[in-house]
Structures are given as structure tokens and as C-alpha cells.
């Protein structure tokens, strides 16, 4: 399955998906069919045409970035950044 997620080649992606479906149980096939329908959003084979330095992010990361950005400015000292990160970490638990 990891090969399916990581491949950059669309033909190989489709081949691996067909092989994966043969090995799945009925309940898993439904999940993977839904996942397959959104392949343009997450599959490297379908979204690797834009340069991204091989970096992928998550909503959680974007949320943290947004909170940090709102609480800091160009005048913020490094110690304030550390305090902000510690506060965010303690609030996320």
C-alpha cells in the first residue's frame, strides 16, 4: 500500500490500486474507493506536477502555523516564541 501512496507514475499508481483492491476485504474496498475518488488531492502521481520540494502538510500543521503567526510579530523576541510554542503545546493536550 505504501508503494501506492508514494508512486509518482500514474500508470503504476493505477496498477498498484488494482492489485490492492484484489487483496482487500469488502469493508476496506469501500474506504479505498472513497479515497481513490479524491486522488487528485493527495496522490503524488496526480499532484506532483507542481513543485513542492517533496513537502506535504496537514491541517494540524497549518492550524499550528496560523496560531503561531497570529501571536508573533517582527518585534517578537526568541524567548516569546518559545513561550508561545509551550503554551500551544500545553493547550493541545
Foldseek 3Di string as FASTA:
>chain_A
DVCLQPDQAPVVNVVVVVVVCVPDDPVVNVVVVVVVVVCCPRRNNNPVPDDDVPDDDDPVVVVVVVQLVVQDDPPDDPVVSVVSVVVVVVVVD
